[in-house]
Amino acid sequence: MGNHHSSTTSLSSGMDNRSMKLLEEQTNLSQSEIREQYVKFKGVTSGGETITRDIFSQIMHKCYPRTYKAELEEDIFRIYDVDNNGTIEFKEFLVIVSVMSQGTPQSKLRQIFRIFDTDNNGFISVDEMNKIVEHLFHLVPEGQKDKLETPASFADKLMTEMDTDQDGVISEEELVTAFLRSEQLTTILVNKIMARFTSASASILYD
């Protein structure tokens, strides 16, 4: 028991050899790279095992002092918090960062879909679309708004772009397809989300 936490391959009481090997497979990182990321993660958490909402809020304020918005912070937090337990553990952080940096466009969009689908029913409703657009609308330059002056009109146009079967909701596949065929507003929205995610990750791993 006394030697378990001092193992050279153990990052913490929750990171045994098996977990390390699983992370290697999931992230394509070496054990030394995983340890390096873990040290940086622990630096952000002041030695804690998780990134809490308060810590994440500080990160987002630092990244975006002029355009910070609490609702958007919550949206980005949900990308990292895969198990929806209200905190970000190192393992889920590293896996999601790997997916979002090295994954296919489809795999990245599946993670972004979770931001929209707040009730986790597998579809984006009109209300859910309206909410995410309200959170992001202030980031869209006037020249990219396509004369859509309100979040509601922007969201309505997005629904039209994505909802190819016209059933009033957006499936994960419809979001992926709309982005891959370079629909204008879909691309703007996804890119804004990706930019926020990337900034938060960089603040944790490289600052």
Protein backbone atom coordinates (compact mmCIF):
# COMPACT_ATOMS: atom_id res chain seq x y z
CA MET A 1 0.00 0.00 0.00
CA GLY A 2 2.74 2.43 0.97
CA ASN A 3 4.47 2.17 -2.39
CA HIS A 4 1.37 2.49 -4.58
CA HIS A 5 1.26 6.27 -4.74
CA SER A 6 5.00 6.53 -5.39
CA SER A 7 4.92 4.36 -8.52
CA THR A 8 6.71 5.99 -11.43
CA THR A 9 3.73 5.34 -13.67
CA SER A 10 1.13 6.55 -11.21
CA LEU A 11 0.05 10.16 -11.53
CA SER A 12 -2.31 10.10 -8.59
CA SER A 13 -4.34 7.69 -6.52
CA GLY A 14 -6.71 7.55 -9.47
CA MET A 15 -4.09 6.96 -12.18
CA ASP A 16 -2.72 3.41 -12.09
CA ASN A 17 -0.81 1.57 -14.80
CA ARG A 18 -3.97 0.45 -16.53
CA SER A 19 -5.37 3.99 -16.61
CA MET A 20 -2.09 5.29 -17.97
CA LYS A 21 -2.07 2.72 -20.78
CA LEU A 22 -5.69 3.50 -21.60
CA LEU A 23 -4.87 7.20 -21.84
CA GLU A 24 -1.95 6.39 -24.11
CA GLU A 25 -4.34 4.55 -26.45
CA GLN A 26 -7.02 7.23 -26.32
CA THR A 27 -4.74 10.24 -26.81
CA ASN A 28 -1.73 8.91 -28.77
CA LEU A 29 0.49 10.58 -26.18
CA SER A 30 3.50 8.93 -24.53
CA GLN A 31 3.56 8.34 -20.78
CA SER A 32 6.07 11.17 -20.34
CA GLU A 33 3.79 13.53 -22.30
CA ILE A 34 0.80 12.48 -20.19
CA ARG A 35 2.78 13.15 -17.01
CA GLU A 36 3.78 16.57 -18.34
CA GLN A 37 0.15 17.45 -19.06
CA TYR A 38 -0.84 16.21 -15.63
CA VAL A 39 1.66 18.52 -13.94
CA LYS A 40 0.20 21.47 -15.86
CA PHE A 41 -3.35 20.39 -15.02
CA LYS A 42 -2.45 20.19 -11.31
CA GLY A 43 -0.89 23.65 -11.55
CA VAL A 44 -4.21 25.09 -12.70
CA THR A 45 -6.13 23.30 -9.94
CA SER A 46 -3.62 24.31 -7.23
CA GLY A 47 -3.00 20.65 -6.52
CA GLY A 48 -6.62 19.55 -6.72
CA GLU A 49 -7.84 16.58 -8.73
CA THR A 50 -10.45 18.46 -10.78
CA ILE A 51 -11.13 21.75 -12.51
CA THR A 52 -14.19 23.17 -10.80
CA ARG A 53 -16.62 25.66 -12.27
CA ASP A 54 -14.94 28.45 -10.29
CA ILE A 55 -11.50 27.59 -11.67
CA PHE A 56 -12.87 27.31 -15.19
CA SER A 57 -14.58 30.67 -14.81
CA GLN A 58 -11.25 32.27 -13.89
CA ILE A 59 -9.68 30.73 -17.00
CA MET A 60 -12.40 32.06 -19.29
CA HIS A 61 -12.26 35.53 -17.72
CA LYS A 62 -8.51 35.54 -18.33
CA CYS A 63 -8.88 34.42 -21.96
CA TYR A 64 -11.72 36.80 -22.82
CA PRO A 65 -11.78 39.79 -20.46
CA ARG A 66 -13.79 41.93 -22.91
CA THR A 67 -16.18 39.36 -24.41
CA TYR A 68 -16.72 37.07 -21.43
CA LYS A 69 -20.25 35.78 -21.01
CA ALA A 70 -21.29 33.44 -18.20
CA GLU A 71 -23.77 31.48 -20.35
CA LEU A 72 -21.12 30.84 -23.00
CA GLU A 73 -18.67 29.75 -20.31
CA GLU A 74 -21.22 27.14 -19.24
CA ASP A 75 -21.58 25.92 -22.82
CA ILE A 76 -17.81 25.46 -23.26
CA PHE A 77 -17.52 23.80 -19.85
CA ARG A 78 -19.94 21.11 -21.02
CA ILE A 79 -17.54 20.04 -23.79
CA TYR A 80 -14.95 19.12 -21.18
CA ASP A 81 -17.36 17.74 -18.58
CA VAL A 82 -18.17 14.59 -20.52
CA ASP A 83 -19.75 12.76 -17.59
CA ASN A 84 -21.82 15.81 -16.57
CA ASN A 85 -20.78 15.65 -12.92
CA GLY A 86 -19.99 19.38 -12.66
CA THR A 87 -16.20 19.07 -12.60
CA ILE A 88 -13.46 18.28 -15.14
CA GLU A 89 -11.22 15.35 -14.22
CA PHE A 90 -7.77 15.00 -15.76
CA LYS A 91 -8.64 11.88 -17.75
CA GLU A 92 -11.70 13.37 -19.42
CA PHE A 93 -9.85 16.64 -19.98
CA LEU A 94 -6.96 14.95 -21.78
CA VAL A 95 -9.19 12.70 -23.89
CA ILE A 96 -11.47 15.53 -25.03
CA VAL A 97 -8.51 17.81 -25.81
CA SER A 98 -7.04 14.99 -27.89
CA VAL A 99 -10.30 14.51 -29.79
CA MET A 100 -10.73 18.23 -30.41
CA SER A 101 -7.14 18.75 -31.56
CA GLN A 102 -6.36 15.51 -33.40
CA GLY A 103 -9.75 14.02 -34.21
CA THR A 104 -11.67 14.03 -37.47
CA PRO A 105 -14.10 16.86 -38.19
CA GLN A 106 -16.92 14.42 -37.49
CA SER A 107 -15.56 13.47 -34.05
CA LYS A 108 -15.09 17.14 -33.11
CA LEU A 109 -18.61 18.02 -34.23
CA ARG A 110 -20.07 15.18 -32.15
CA GLN A 111 -18.56 16.79 -29.07
CA ILE A 112 -19.83 20.23 -30.07
CA PHE A 113 -23.30 18.74 -30.59
CA ARG A 114 -23.42 18.07 -26.83
CA ILE A 115 -23.32 21.84 -26.19
CA PHE A 116 -26.49 22.34 -28.22
CA ASP A 117 -28.36 19.27 -26.96
CA THR A 118 -28.77 20.43 -23.38
CA ASP A 119 -31.47 17.89 -22.50
CA ASN A 120 -29.41 15.02 -24.00
CA ASN A 121 -32.29 13.65 -26.07
CA GLY A 122 -30.22 13.35 -29.25
CA PHE A 123 -31.70 16.36 -31.04
CA ILE A 124 -31.33 20.15 -31.08
CA SER A 125 -34.68 21.85 -30.65
CA VAL A 126 -35.57 25.38 -31.74
CA ASP A 127 -35.36 26.52 -28.11
CA GLU A 128 -31.91 24.95 -27.70
CA MET A 129 -30.71 26.59 -30.91
CA ASN A 130 -32.03 29.97 -29.77
CA LYS A 131 -30.17 29.67 -26.46
CA ILE A 132 -26.76 28.86 -27.96
CA VAL A 133 -27.12 31.65 -30.52
CA GLU A 134 -28.03 34.14 -27.78
CA HIS A 135 -24.83 33.12 -25.97
CA LEU A 136 -22.65 33.55 -29.08
CA PHE A 137 -24.32 36.32 -31.06
CA HIS A 138 -22.16 39.10 -29.59
CA LEU A 139 -19.06 37.40 -31.07
CA VAL A 140 -20.29 37.39 -34.67
CA PRO A 141 -18.93 40.36 -36.68
CA GLU A 142 -21.57 42.50 -38.35
CA GLY A 143 -20.25 41.57 -41.79
CA GLN A 144 -20.90 37.87 -41.09
CA LYS A 145 -24.44 38.20 -39.78
CA ASP A 146 -25.92 38.11 -43.29
CA LYS A 147 -28.30 40.99 -42.40
CA LEU A 148 -29.72 38.91 -39.55
CA GLU A 149 -30.08 41.56 -36.88
CA THR A 150 -31.33 39.46 -33.94
CA PRO A 151 -30.30 36.17 -32.33
CA ALA A 152 -33.75 34.77 -33.15
CA SER A 153 -33.42 35.47 -36.88
CA PHE A 154 -29.88 34.06 -36.86
CA ALA A 155 -31.09 30.91 -35.11
CA ASP A 156 -33.98 30.55 -37.55
CA LYS A 157 -31.57 30.68 -40.50
CA LEU A 158 -29.34 28.11 -38.80
CA MET A 159 -32.29 25.75 -38.40
CA THR A 160 -33.03 26.16 -42.11
CA GLU A 161 -29.40 25.39 -43.01
CA MET A 162 -29.20 22.24 -40.90
CA ASP A 163 -32.70 20.76 -40.86
CA THR A 164 -32.54 18.88 -44.16
CA ASP A 165 -35.48 16.59 -43.39
CA GLN A 166 -37.55 19.55 -42.13
CA ASP A 167 -38.78 17.80 -39.00
CA GLY A 168 -38.20 20.83 -36.78
CA VAL A 169 -35.18 19.46 -34.89
CA ILE A 170 -31.51 18.95 -35.73
CA SER A 171 -29.86 15.55 -35.42
CA GLU A 172 -26.14 15.05 -34.82
CA GLU A 173 -25.78 13.90 -38.42
CA GLU A 174 -27.51 17.02 -39.74
CA LEU A 175 -25.11 19.26 -37.80
CA VAL A 176 -22.11 17.34 -39.13
CA THR A 177 -23.42 17.40 -42.69
CA ALA A 178 -24.20 21.14 -42.62
CA PHE A 179 -20.69 21.96 -41.44
CA LEU A 180 -19.00 19.63 -43.91
CA ARG A 181 -20.89 21.18 -46.81
CA SER A 182 -19.69 24.62 -45.55
CA GLU A 183 -23.06 26.15 -44.75
CA GLN A 184 -22.23 29.78 -43.89
CA LEU A 185 -23.86 30.33 -40.50
CA THR A 186 -23.22 26.79 -39.29
CA THR A 187 -19.53 27.26 -40.03
CA ILE A 188 -19.43 30.59 -38.19
CA LEU A 189 -21.12 29.13 -35.12
CA VAL A 190 -18.95 26.02 -34.93
CA ASN A 191 -15.76 28.02 -35.43
CA LYS A 192 -16.68 30.41 -32.61
CA ILE A 193 -17.20 27.46 -30.26
CA MET A 194 -13.93 25.86 -31.35
CA ALA A 195 -12.05 29.11 -30.76
CA ARG A 196 -13.31 29.34 -27.18
CA PHE A 197 -12.51 25.70 -26.49
CA THR A 198 -8.99 26.04 -27.92
CA SER A 199 -8.27 29.15 -25.86
CA ALA A 200 -9.31 27.45 -22.63
CA SER A 201 -7.19 24.38 -23.42
CA ALA A 202 -4.18 26.51 -24.28
CA SER A 203 -4.54 28.49 -21.06
CA ILE A 204 -4.45 25.26 -19.05
CA LEU A 205 -1.64 23.50 -20.92
CA TYR A 206 0.66 26.26 -22.10
CA ASP A 207 0.35 29.35 -19.89
